Structure formats: C-alpha cells, structure tokens
Amino acid sequence: MIVEGQGISDVQGFMIDMDGTICKGWQVIPGAPEFIQELKDRGLPFVLLTNNSSASRESYLRKMMKLGFPVRMEDILTSTTATILFLQGERPGKTVYPLGTPDFLQELEEAEVEMVEDGADIVLLAFDRSITYEKINKAYHLLSAGAELICTHPDRLCPTESGYDVDIGPFIDMFRSLCDVDPVIIGKPSRKMAEMSSRHLGVPVENMAMIGDRLYTDIRMAIENDMLSVLVLSGETTPEDLKGSLFSPDIVASSVKDLQGFFQRF
C-alpha cells in the first residue's frame, strides 16, 4: 500500500529505475511488468534507467524482454549511454583509459571513443566485474600524472538475486584518497542523467516523476531537480533507512505493484 503521498498533477513522464525497483538480478519484482504495461496503455512517457554500466543497453533490452517487460530499446537509458553523450558533447577528442567490462568497452568502441593504454586524458571508471590490480595501478599512475577521473555513476552496491555486490563507489573513494582528485560523476543523482532523460522523452525535468529504491541516487536526484520523488521499498532502502535520511520522498510504496492505478488521478 502507499504509505505516503502528495501532488502528482504536474507529472507528464516517468523515470523508472531498474535494479531493485522492477527487478533484482533475474528476479522480477511482482507487479512490475503490469505497471509498465499500464503506462504504455495510457500513453504515458517513461524511460527505464540504470546506473549499472557493466552491461550494454542491448543486453538490458534482451534481459527486460526475457523477464516479460513490454519495452523497446528506446525505453532504456544507462549510465554508459549518458557518459558517452557527455564525452562526445563536453570532452570531444579526449582519449580515455577505461576500467570496465567487455560490454562497456564495446559500447565505447561503437561510439568511436578513443581508448588508449598510455597517456590518456581521462580515466573512465565504470562498474567493472573484471577489475584487476593492474588496471587499478595503471589508473592510479595516469591520475597522478594529471588525467581527469570520470565515473559512470556513484553507486556503492549493486543489487542481485541473493543480496548486493560491491559497486563502483568504493573505487571512487579509493582514487579520491590516493590521487586527491574531484571526479566527474555522470549517473544518478547527477542532473546530467535527469537532463538526458528529459530530452529523450520531450518532457521538462520538473514535470517528471522518478521512481526508485535508493535514497542517495534516485530520490536525491528527484528532489534536487524538482521532480516528484517516489520511493519503493523493494530494493536497497529499508523503513529504518528512511527514518534517518536527509532525502524525504514525496511518495513511499512497498513496491511498484502498489503504484498500479495510482497515477490515474491525473
């Protein structure tokens, strides 16, 4: 059931987190496909977002379709997509040393991002399940020599079927400490992710609702960008976390299943 709620009359589109909100690994959150179908049936614009940069956009599409979600490629935006757009628009011609999975590297290659081993302008840190000491050490030396640190997202944990895995956040902390760098972070809660989603849907940022399971990324991004914030308790955040949080959502629900029919009021 909805445990808290307020103003939805200005909502014209939805940003919906994936991991922990509509699925956990390969487990579907009950009611999530039906909620997405309801938005489609009513012609309400939405985009599925993820900060996870270990898998490609195409991989996410295949996964969502296998899980029974009625989505298309254009319904999915990842922090990798946002990072590539940032590099193309704000760091044109810069070389990067990437720390990421094969899927991540393939997306960079397809976008014609120049990747190098030595003398890179940018250390590009993604969620890298294949990370090694050699990669970390190479990045350290590049950053120490003046390379810029750009990170796809700030998440500290990644939800799985059985719990949580270590994500990119602790590695950002490590490089901050070792190299005294101030990284550029692209994914949620950065406004860059909100703006990209807004442009993609053709809906002003302030007329969007953000539905997610994390206070420090999903809800923070919504609050800082004047969006309606909707927290679901199906992922990382617990009721106890909510009590002590600096970020207070407009709406709290146990899961997206409880949101079915809720937005019919506007």
C-alpha atoms as a PDB file:
ATOM      1  CA  MET A   1       0.000   0.000   0.000  1.00  0.00           C
ATOM      2  CA  ILE A   2       1.008   3.643  -0.435  1.00  0.00           C
ATOM      3  CA  VAL A   3       2.254   4.821   2.936  1.00  0.00           C
ATOM      4  CA  GLU A   4       2.709   8.462   1.989  1.00  0.00           C
ATOM      5  CA  GLY A   5       1.840  10.601  -0.992  1.00  0.00           C
ATOM      6  CA  GLN A   6       1.357  14.088  -2.345  1.00  0.00           C
ATOM      7  CA  GLY A   7       0.981  16.157  -5.543  1.00  0.00           C
ATOM      8  CA  ILE A   8       1.022  14.295  -8.825  1.00  0.00           C
ATOM      9  CA  SER A   9      -0.957  16.702 -11.003  1.00  0.00           C
ATOM     10  CA  ASP A  10       2.092  18.091 -12.863  1.00  0.00           C
ATOM     11  CA  VAL A  11       3.599  14.725 -13.795  1.00  0.00           C
ATOM     12  CA  GLN A  12       3.908  14.208 -17.563  1.00  0.00           C
ATOM     13  CA  GLY A  13       6.516  11.433 -17.704  1.00  0.00           C
ATOM     14  CA  PHE A  14       8.354   8.849 -15.633  1.00  0.00           C
ATOM     15  CA  MET A  15      11.955   7.916 -14.961  1.00  0.00           C
ATOM     16  CA  ILE A  16      11.951   4.394 -13.550  1.00  0.00           C
ATOM     17  CA  ASP A  17      14.975   2.754 -12.002  1.00  0.00           C
ATOM     18  CA  MET A  18      15.539  -0.892 -12.950  1.00  0.00           C
ATOM     19  CA  ASP A  19      17.775  -2.693 -10.432  1.00  0.00           C
ATOM     20  CA  GLY A  20      15.878  -3.029  -7.158  1.00  0.00           C
ATOM     21  CA  THR A  21      12.759  -1.298  -8.495  1.00  0.00           C
ATOM     22  CA  ILE A  22      11.347  -3.502 -11.249  1.00  0.00           C
ATOM     23  CA  CYS A  23      13.769  -6.426 -10.902  1.00  0.00           C
ATOM     24  CA  LYS A  24      16.595  -7.773  -8.732  1.00  0.00           C
ATOM     25  CA  GLY A  25      19.049  -9.557 -10.956  1.00  0.00           C
ATOM     26  CA  TRP A  26      16.897 -12.032 -12.893  1.00  0.00           C
ATOM     27  CA  GLN A  27      14.032 -11.884 -10.411  1.00  0.00           C
ATOM     28  CA  VAL A  28      11.033  -9.776 -11.411  1.00  0.00           C
ATOM     29  CA  ILE A  29       9.553  -7.524  -8.728  1.00  0.00           C
ATOM     30  CA  PRO A  30       5.909  -8.719  -8.529  1.00  0.00           C
ATOM     31  CA  GLY A  31       3.571  -6.415 -10.430  1.00  0.00           C
ATOM     32  CA  ALA A  32       6.356  -4.567 -12.266  1.00  0.00           C
ATOM     33  CA  PRO A  33       5.563  -5.749 -15.834  1.00  0.00           C
ATOM     34  CA  GLU A  34       1.908  -4.891 -15.259  1.00  0.00           C
ATOM     35  CA  PHE A  35       2.823  -1.393 -14.045  1.00  0.00           C
ATOM     36  CA  ILE A  36       4.925  -0.775 -17.165  1.00  0.00           C
ATOM     37  CA  GLN A  37       2.114  -2.086 -19.349  1.00  0.00           C
ATOM     38  CA  GLU A  38      -0.314   0.281 -17.624  1.00  0.00           C
ATOM     39  CA  LEU A  39       1.882   3.266 -18.513  1.00  0.00           C
ATOM     40  CA  LYS A  40       2.075   2.085 -22.123  1.00  0.00           C
ATOM     41  CA  ASP A  41      -1.675   1.503 -22.339  1.00  0.00           C
ATOM     42  CA  ARG A  42      -2.342   5.032 -21.107  1.00  0.00           C
ATOM     43  CA  GLY A  43       0.271   6.579 -23.412  1.00  0.00           C
ATOM     44  CA  LEU A  44       2.358   7.919 -20.519  1.00  0.00           C
ATOM     45  CA  PRO A  45       6.009   8.561 -21.494  1.00  0.00           C
ATOM     46  CA  PHE A  46       8.588   6.624 -19.467  1.00  0.00           C
ATOM     47  CA  VAL A  47      12.209   5.590 -19.564  1.00  0.00           C
ATOM     48  CA  LEU A  48      13.881   2.773 -17.653  1.00  0.00           C
ATOM     49  CA  LEU A  49      17.124   3.954 -16.058  1.00  0.00           C
ATOM     50  CA  THR A  50      20.075   2.145 -14.569  1.00  0.00           C
ATOM     51  CA  ASN A  51      23.382   3.291 -13.143  1.00  0.00           C
ATOM     52  CA  ASN A  52      24.804  -0.162 -13.817  1.00  0.00           C
ATOM     53  CA  SER A  53      27.447   0.240 -16.526  1.00  0.00           C
ATOM     54  CA  SER A  54      28.615  -3.386 -16.615  1.00  0.00           C
ATOM     55  CA  ALA A  55      26.046  -4.443 -19.223  1.00  0.00           C
ATOM     56  CA  SER A  56      25.183  -2.843 -22.557  1.00  0.00           C
ATOM     57  CA  ARG A  57      21.902  -1.189 -23.404  1.00  0.00           C
ATOM     58  CA  GLU A  58      21.202  -4.038 -25.810  1.00  0.00           C
ATOM     59  CA  SER A  59      21.874  -6.566 -23.044  1.00  0.00           C
ATOM     60  CA  TYR A  60      19.397  -4.774 -20.800  1.00  0.00           C
ATOM     61  CA  LEU A  61      16.791  -4.836 -23.564  1.00  0.00           C
ATOM     62  CA  ARG A  62      17.223  -8.603 -24.011  1.00  0.00           C
ATOM     63  CA  LYS A  63      17.008  -9.089 -20.257  1.00  0.00           C
ATOM     64  CA  MET A  64      13.888  -6.972 -19.863  1.00  0.00           C
ATOM     65  CA  MET A  65      12.165  -8.813 -22.714  1.00  0.00           C
ATOM     66  CA  LYS A  66      13.063 -12.219 -21.232  1.00  0.00           C
ATOM     67  CA  LEU A  67      11.652 -11.083 -17.892  1.00  0.00           C
ATOM     68  CA  GLY A  68       8.386 -10.191 -19.592  1.00  0.00           C
ATOM     69  CA  PHE A  69       8.614  -6.395 -19.734  1.00  0.00           C
ATOM     70  CA  PRO A  70       6.919  -4.768 -22.757  1.00  0.00           C
ATOM     71  CA  VAL A  71       9.814  -2.469 -23.685  1.00  0.00           C
ATOM     72  CA  ARG A  72      11.850  -1.297 -26.687  1.00  0.00           C
ATOM     73  CA  MET A  73      15.458  -0.151 -26.984  1.00  0.00           C
ATOM     74  CA  GLU A  74      14.364   3.497 -26.828  1.00  0.00           C
ATOM     75  CA  ASP A  75      12.723   2.836 -23.443  1.00  0.00           C
ATOM     76  CA  ILE A  76      16.112   2.097 -21.826  1.00  0.00           C
ATOM     77  CA  LEU A  77      18.889   4.516 -20.834  1.00  0.00           C
ATOM     78  CA  THR A  78      22.024   3.514 -18.947  1.00  0.00           C
ATOM     79  CA  SER A  79      24.798   5.469 -17.280  1.00  0.00           C
ATOM     80  CA  THR A  80      27.057   4.273 -20.109  1.00  0.00           C
ATOM     81  CA  THR A  81      24.780   5.958 -22.658  1.00  0.00           C
ATOM     82  CA  ALA A  82      24.844   9.151 -20.613  1.00  0.00           C
ATOM     83  CA  THR A  83      28.618   9.022 -20.222  1.00  0.00           C
ATOM     84  CA  ILE A  84      29.181   8.587 -23.954  1.00  0.00           C
ATOM     85  CA  LEU A  85      26.938  11.580 -24.655  1.00  0.00           C
ATOM     86  CA  PHE A  86      28.906  13.598 -22.090  1.00  0.00           C
ATOM     87  CA  LEU A  87      32.232  12.659 -23.667  1.00  0.00           C
ATOM     88  CA  GLN A  88      31.002  13.484 -27.153  1.00  0.00           C
ATOM     89  CA  GLY A  89      29.498  16.805 -26.116  1.00  0.00           C
ATOM     90  CA  GLU A  90      31.893  18.089 -23.460  1.00  0.00           C
ATOM     91  CA  ARG A  91      35.170  16.201 -23.944  1.00  0.00           C
ATOM     92  CA  PRO A  92      35.425  15.841 -27.741  1.00  0.00           C
ATOM     93  CA  GLY A  93      38.726  14.419 -28.961  1.00  0.00           C
ATOM     94  CA  LYS A  94      39.901  13.388 -25.487  1.00  0.00           C
ATOM     95  CA  THR A  95      41.461   9.948 -25.057  1.00  0.00           C
ATOM     96  CA  VAL A  96      40.323   7.598 -22.300  1.00  0.00           C
ATOM     97  CA  TYR A  97      41.729   4.724 -20.299  1.00  0.00           C
ATOM     98  CA  PRO A  98      38.616   2.694 -19.426  1.00  0.00           C
ATOM     99  CA  LEU A  99      38.050   0.413 -16.473  1.00  0.00           C
ATOM    100  CA  GLY A 100      35.022  -1.610 -17.460  1.00  0.00           C
ATOM    101  CA  THR A 101      33.564  -4.863 -18.704  1.00  0.00           C
ATOM    102  CA  PRO A 102      33.776  -6.114 -22.315  1.00  0.00           C
ATOM    103  CA  ASP A 103      30.204  -4.856 -22.884  1.00  0.00           C
ATOM    104  CA  PHE A 104      31.225  -1.391 -21.701  1.00  0.00           C
ATOM    105  CA  LEU A 105      34.311  -1.340 -23.913  1.00  0.00           C
ATOM    106  CA  GLN A 106      32.261  -2.433 -26.914  1.00  0.00           C
ATOM    107  CA  GLU A 107      29.813   0.435 -26.431  1.00  0.00           C
ATOM    108  CA  LEU A 108      32.720   2.904 -26.236  1.00  0.00           C
ATOM    109  CA  GLU A 109      34.207   1.444 -29.405  1.00  0.00           C
ATOM    110  CA  GLU A 110      30.889   1.631 -31.264  1.00  0.00           C
ATOM    111  CA  ALA A 111      30.600   5.297 -30.220  1.00  0.00           C
ATOM    112  CA  GLU A 112      34.145   5.892 -31.561  1.00  0.00           C
ATOM    113  CA  VAL A 113      35.547   6.910 -28.194  1.00  0.00           C
ATOM    114  CA  GLU A 114      39.347   6.722 -28.483  1.00  0.00           C
ATOM    115  CA  MET A 115      40.728   4.290 -25.896  1.00  0.00           C
ATOM    116  CA  VAL A 116      44.453   4.168 -25.066  1.00  0.00           C
ATOM    117  CA  GLU A 117      46.699   2.403 -22.570  1.00  0.00           C
ATOM    118  CA  ASP A 118      49.218   5.207 -22.056  1.00  0.00           C
ATOM    119  CA  GLY A 119      48.974   8.968 -21.775  1.00  0.00           C
ATOM    120  CA  ALA A 120      45.181   9.072 -21.550  1.00  0.00           C
ATOM    121  CA  ASP A 121      43.459  12.389 -20.908  1.00  0.00           C
ATOM    122  CA  ILE A 122      40.729  10.663 -18.908  1.00  0.00           C
ATOM    123  CA  VAL A 123      40.480   7.655 -16.611  1.00  0.00           C
ATOM    124  CA  LEU A 124      36.959   6.389 -17.245  1.00  0.00           C
ATOM    125  CA  LEU A 125      35.708   4.302 -14.329  1.00  0.00           C
ATOM    126  CA  ALA A 126      32.681   2.021 -14.804  1.00  0.00           C
ATOM    127  CA  PHE A 127      31.240  -0.920 -12.854  1.00  0.00           C
ATOM    128  CA  ASP A 128      33.971  -3.403 -13.717  1.00  0.00           C
ATOM    129  CA  ARG A 129      33.481  -7.015 -12.627  1.00  0.00           C
ATOM    130  CA  SER A 130      36.762  -7.798 -14.407  1.00  0.00           C
ATOM    131  CA  ILE A 131      38.832  -5.234 -12.471  1.00  0.00           C
ATOM    132  CA  THR A 132      42.394  -6.219 -11.570  1.00  0.00           C
ATOM    133  CA  TYR A 133      45.306  -4.807  -9.616  1.00  0.00           C
ATOM    134  CA  GLU A 134      46.997  -3.980 -12.916  1.00  0.00           C
ATOM    135  CA  LYS A 135      44.033  -1.868 -14.045  1.00  0.00           C
ATOM    136  CA  ILE A 136      43.827  -0.063 -10.712  1.00  0.00           C
ATOM    137  CA  ASN A 137      47.552   0.637 -10.688  1.00  0.00           C
ATOM    138  CA  LYS A 138      47.527   1.905 -14.283  1.00  0.00           C
ATOM    139  CA  ALA A 139      44.651   4.246 -13.446  1.00  0.00           C
ATOM    140  CA  TYR A 140      46.477   5.474 -10.349  1.00  0.00           C
ATOM    141  CA  HIS A 141      49.567   6.424 -12.350  1.00  0.00           C
ATOM    142  CA  LEU A 142      47.502   8.187 -15.041  1.00  0.00           C
ATOM    143  CA  LEU A 143      45.564  10.181 -12.441  1.00  0.00           C
ATOM    144  CA  SER A 144      48.767  11.054 -10.616  1.00  0.00           C
ATOM    145  CA  ALA A 145      50.118  12.402 -13.908  1.00  0.00           C
ATOM    146  CA  GLY A 146      47.110  14.702 -14.322  1.00  0.00           C
ATOM    147  CA  ALA A 147      44.411  12.667 -16.069  1.00  0.00           C
ATOM    148  CA  GLU A 148      40.792  13.546 -15.294  1.00  0.00           C
ATOM    149  CA  LEU A 149      38.632  10.996 -13.457  1.00  0.00           C
ATOM    150  CA  ILE A 150      35.160  10.479 -14.961  1.00  0.00           C
ATOM    151  CA  CYS A 151      32.829   7.901 -13.411  1.00  0.00           C
ATOM    152  CA  THR A 152      29.681   6.453 -14.916  1.00  0.00           C
ATOM    153  CA  HIS A 153      27.808   6.524 -11.570  1.00  0.00           C
ATOM    154  CA  PRO A 154      28.387   6.642  -7.781  1.00  0.00           C
ATOM    155  CA  ASP A 155      26.540   3.523  -6.523  1.00  0.00           C
ATOM    156  CA  ARG A 156      28.241   1.716  -3.654  1.00  0.00           C
ATOM    157  CA  LEU A 157      26.279  -1.542  -4.010  1.00  0.00           C
ATOM    158  CA  CYS A 158      24.659  -3.403  -6.891  1.00  0.00           C
ATOM    159  CA  PRO A 159      21.505  -5.455  -6.154  1.00  0.00           C
ATOM    160  CA  THR A 160      21.481  -9.148  -7.123  1.00  0.00           C
ATOM    161  CA  GLU A 161      19.073 -12.056  -6.628  1.00  0.00           C
ATOM    162  CA  SER A 162      20.855 -13.050  -3.409  1.00  0.00           C
ATOM    163  CA  GLY A 163      21.747  -9.657  -1.942  1.00  0.00           C
ATOM    164  CA  TYR A 164      24.236  -6.991  -3.014  1.00  0.00           C
ATOM    165  CA  ASP A 165      27.646  -6.861  -4.691  1.00  0.00           C
ATOM    166  CA  VAL A 166      30.320  -4.185  -4.330  1.00  0.00           C
ATOM    167  CA  ASP A 167      29.790  -1.495  -6.975  1.00  0.00           C
ATOM    168  CA  ILE A 168      31.832   1.465  -8.195  1.00  0.00           C
ATOM    169  CA  GLY A 169      31.537   3.751  -5.136  1.00  0.00           C
ATOM    170  CA  PRO A 170      34.375   2.308  -3.027  1.00  0.00           C
ATOM    171  CA  PHE A 171      36.743   2.566  -6.014  1.00  0.00           C
ATOM    172  CA  ILE A 172      35.824   6.239  -6.436  1.00  0.00           C
ATOM    173  CA  ASP A 173      36.684   6.751  -2.754  1.00  0.00           C
ATOM    174  CA  MET A 174      39.994   4.968  -3.256  1.00  0.00           C
ATOM    175  CA  PHE A 175      41.060   7.141  -6.201  1.00  0.00           C
ATOM    176  CA  ARG A 176      39.904  10.299  -4.411  1.00  0.00           C
ATOM    177  CA  SER A 177      42.087   9.369  -1.453  1.00  0.00           C
ATOM    178  CA  LEU A 178      45.107   8.206  -3.439  1.00  0.00           C
ATOM    179  CA  CYS A 179      45.194  10.948  -6.067  1.00  0.00           C
ATOM    180  CA  ASP A 180      43.341  13.901  -4.497  1.00  0.00           C
ATOM    181  CA  VAL A 181      41.005  14.131  -7.498  1.00  0.00           C
ATOM    182  CA  ASP A 182      37.497  15.535  -7.800  1.00  0.00           C
ATOM    183  CA  PRO A 183      35.715  13.164 -10.183  1.00  0.00           C
ATOM    184  CA  VAL A 184      33.002  13.985 -12.683  1.00  0.00           C
ATOM    185  CA  ILE A 185      30.110  11.598 -11.983  1.00  0.00           C
ATOM    186  CA  ILE A 186      27.536  11.124 -14.738  1.00  0.00           C
ATOM    187  CA  GLY A 187      24.797   8.780 -13.450  1.00  0.00           C
ATOM    188  CA  LYS A 188      22.131   9.327 -10.805  1.00  0.00           C
ATOM    189  CA  PRO A 189      21.905  11.575  -8.815  1.00  0.00           C
ATOM    190  CA  SER A 190      23.694  13.838 -11.315  1.00  0.00           C
ATOM    191  CA  ARG A 191      21.489  16.354 -13.120  1.00  0.00           C
ATOM    192  CA  LYS A 192      23.144  15.118 -16.316  1.00  0.00           C
ATOM    193  CA  MET A 193      21.128  11.909 -16.103  1.00  0.00           C
ATOM    194  CA  ALA A 194      17.907  13.813 -15.419  1.00  0.00           C
ATOM    195  CA  GLU A 195      18.503  16.159 -18.348  1.00  0.00           C
ATOM    196  CA  MET A 196      19.283  13.316 -20.740  1.00  0.00           C
ATOM    197  CA  SER A 197      16.077  11.519 -19.764  1.00  0.00           C
ATOM    198  CA  SER A 198      14.091  14.749 -20.080  1.00  0.00           C
ATOM    199  CA  ARG A 199      15.397  15.395 -23.605  1.00  0.00           C
ATOM    200  CA  HIS A 200      14.794  11.779 -24.566  1.00  0.00           C
ATOM    201  CA  LEU A 201      11.118  11.928 -23.572  1.00  0.00           C
ATOM    202  CA  GLY A 202      10.485  15.548 -24.543  1.00  0.00           C
ATOM    203  CA  VAL A 203       9.196  16.299 -21.044  1.00  0.00           C
ATOM    204  CA  PRO A 204      10.593  19.097 -18.825  1.00  0.00           C
ATOM    205  CA  VAL A 205      12.637  17.809 -15.892  1.00  0.00           C
ATOM    206  CA  GLU A 206      10.304  19.438 -13.373  1.00  0.00           C
ATOM    207  CA  ASN A 207       7.345  17.573 -14.890  1.00  0.00           C
ATOM    208  CA  MET A 208       8.935  14.161 -14.407  1.00  0.00           C
ATOM    209  CA  ALA A 209       8.450  11.606 -11.632  1.00  0.00           C
ATOM    210  CA  MET A 210      11.408   9.491 -10.513  1.00  0.00           C
ATOM    211  CA  ILE A 211      10.570   6.010  -9.195  1.00  0.00           C
ATOM    212  CA  GLY A 212      13.424   4.178  -7.487  1.00  0.00           C
ATOM    213  CA  ASP A 213      14.654   2.212  -4.498  1.00  0.00           C
ATOM    214  CA  ARG A 214      17.663   4.276  -3.436  1.00  0.00           C
ATOM    215  CA  LEU A 215      17.568   7.421  -1.353  1.00  0.00           C
ATOM    216  CA  TYR A 216      21.049   8.696  -2.211  1.00  0.00           C
ATOM    217  CA  THR A 217      20.690   8.337  -6.002  1.00  0.00           C
ATOM    218  CA  ASP A 218      17.071   8.048  -7.191  1.00  0.00           C
ATOM    219  CA  ILE A 219      15.337  10.154  -4.545  1.00  0.00           C
ATOM    220  CA  ARG A 220      18.174  12.647  -4.221  1.00  0.00           C
ATOM    221  CA  MET A 221      18.156  13.267  -7.995  1.00  0.00           C
ATOM    222  CA  ALA A 222      14.392  13.816  -7.944  1.00  0.00           C
ATOM    223  CA  ILE A 223      14.492  16.237  -5.015  1.00  0.00           C
ATOM    224  CA  GLU A 224      17.449  18.238  -6.328  1.00  0.00           C
ATOM    225  CA  ASN A 225      15.787  18.626  -9.736  1.00  0.00           C
ATOM    226  CA  ASP A 226      12.247  19.437  -8.524  1.00  0.00           C
ATOM    227  CA  MET A 227      10.763  16.141  -9.735  1.00  0.00           C
ATOM    228  CA  LEU A 228       8.119  14.084  -7.962  1.00  0.00           C
ATOM    229  CA  SER A 229      10.046  11.510  -5.923  1.00  0.00           C
ATOM    230  CA  VAL A 230       8.628   8.006  -5.481  1.00  0.00           C
ATOM    231  CA  LEU A 231      10.480   5.561  -3.228  1.00  0.00           C
ATOM    232  CA  VAL A 232       9.798   1.821  -3.391  1.00  0.00           C
ATOM    233  CA  LEU A 233      10.952  -0.436  -0.560  1.00  0.00           C
ATOM    234  CA  SER A 234      11.578  -3.458  -2.797  1.00  0.00           C
ATOM    235  CA  GLY A 235      15.326  -2.828  -3.122  1.00  0.00           C
ATOM    236  CA  GLU A 236      18.097  -1.306  -1.053  1.00  0.00           C
ATOM    237  CA  THR A 237      16.218   1.126   1.207  1.00  0.00           C
ATOM    238  CA  THR A 238      14.528  -0.114   4.380  1.00  0.00           C
ATOM    239  CA  PRO A 239      11.938   1.725   6.508  1.00  0.00           C
ATOM    240  CA  GLU A 240      14.685   2.308   9.088  1.00  0.00           C
ATOM    241  CA  ASP A 241      16.931   3.922   6.447  1.00  0.00           C
ATOM    242  CA  LEU A 242      14.082   6.235   5.537  1.00  0.00           C
ATOM    243  CA  LYS A 243      13.659   7.487   9.108  1.00  0.00           C
ATOM    244  CA  GLY A 244      17.199   8.847   9.267  1.00  0.00           C
ATOM    245  CA  SER A 245      17.552  10.066   5.682  1.00  0.00           C
ATOM    246  CA  LEU A 246      18.260  13.606   4.552  1.00  0.00           C
ATOM    247  CA  PHE A 247      16.150  12.897   1.466  1.00  0.00           C
ATOM    248  CA  SER A 248      12.421  12.647   2.101  1.00  0.00           C
ATOM    249  CA  PRO A 249      10.408  11.266  -0.856  1.00  0.00           C
ATOM    250  CA  ASP A 250       7.002  12.582  -1.848  1.00  0.00           C
ATOM    251  CA  ILE A 251       5.565   9.062  -2.086  1.00  0.00           C
ATOM    252  CA  VAL A 252       6.614   5.815  -0.420  1.00  0.00           C
ATOM    253  CA  ALA A 253       5.305   2.415  -1.548  1.00  0.00           C
ATOM    254  CA  SER A 254       6.279  -1.143  -0.721  1.00  0.00           C
ATOM    255  CA  SER A 255       6.787  -1.865  -4.454  1.00  0.00           C
ATOM    256  CA  VAL A 256       5.686  -0.727  -7.903  1.00  0.00           C
ATOM    257  CA  LYS A 257       2.790  -3.166  -7.608  1.00  0.00           C
ATOM    258  CA  ASP A 258       1.207  -0.712  -5.186  1.00  0.00           C
ATOM    259  CA  LEU A 259       1.515   2.061  -7.777  1.00  0.00           C
ATOM    260  CA  GLN A 260      -0.804   0.355 -10.259  1.00  0.00           C
ATOM    261  CA  GLY A 261      -3.737   2.674 -10.801  1.00  0.00           C
ATOM    262  CA  PHE A 262      -2.230   5.337  -8.534  1.00  0.00           C
ATOM    263  CA  PHE A 263      -1.386   7.755 -11.350  1.00  0.00           C
ATOM    264  CA  GLN A 264      -4.828   7.547 -12.943  1.00  0.00           C
ATOM    265  CA  ARG A 265      -5.746  10.617 -10.949  1.00  0.00           C
ATOM    266  CA  PHE A 266      -4.017  12.978 -13.379  1.00  0.00           C
END
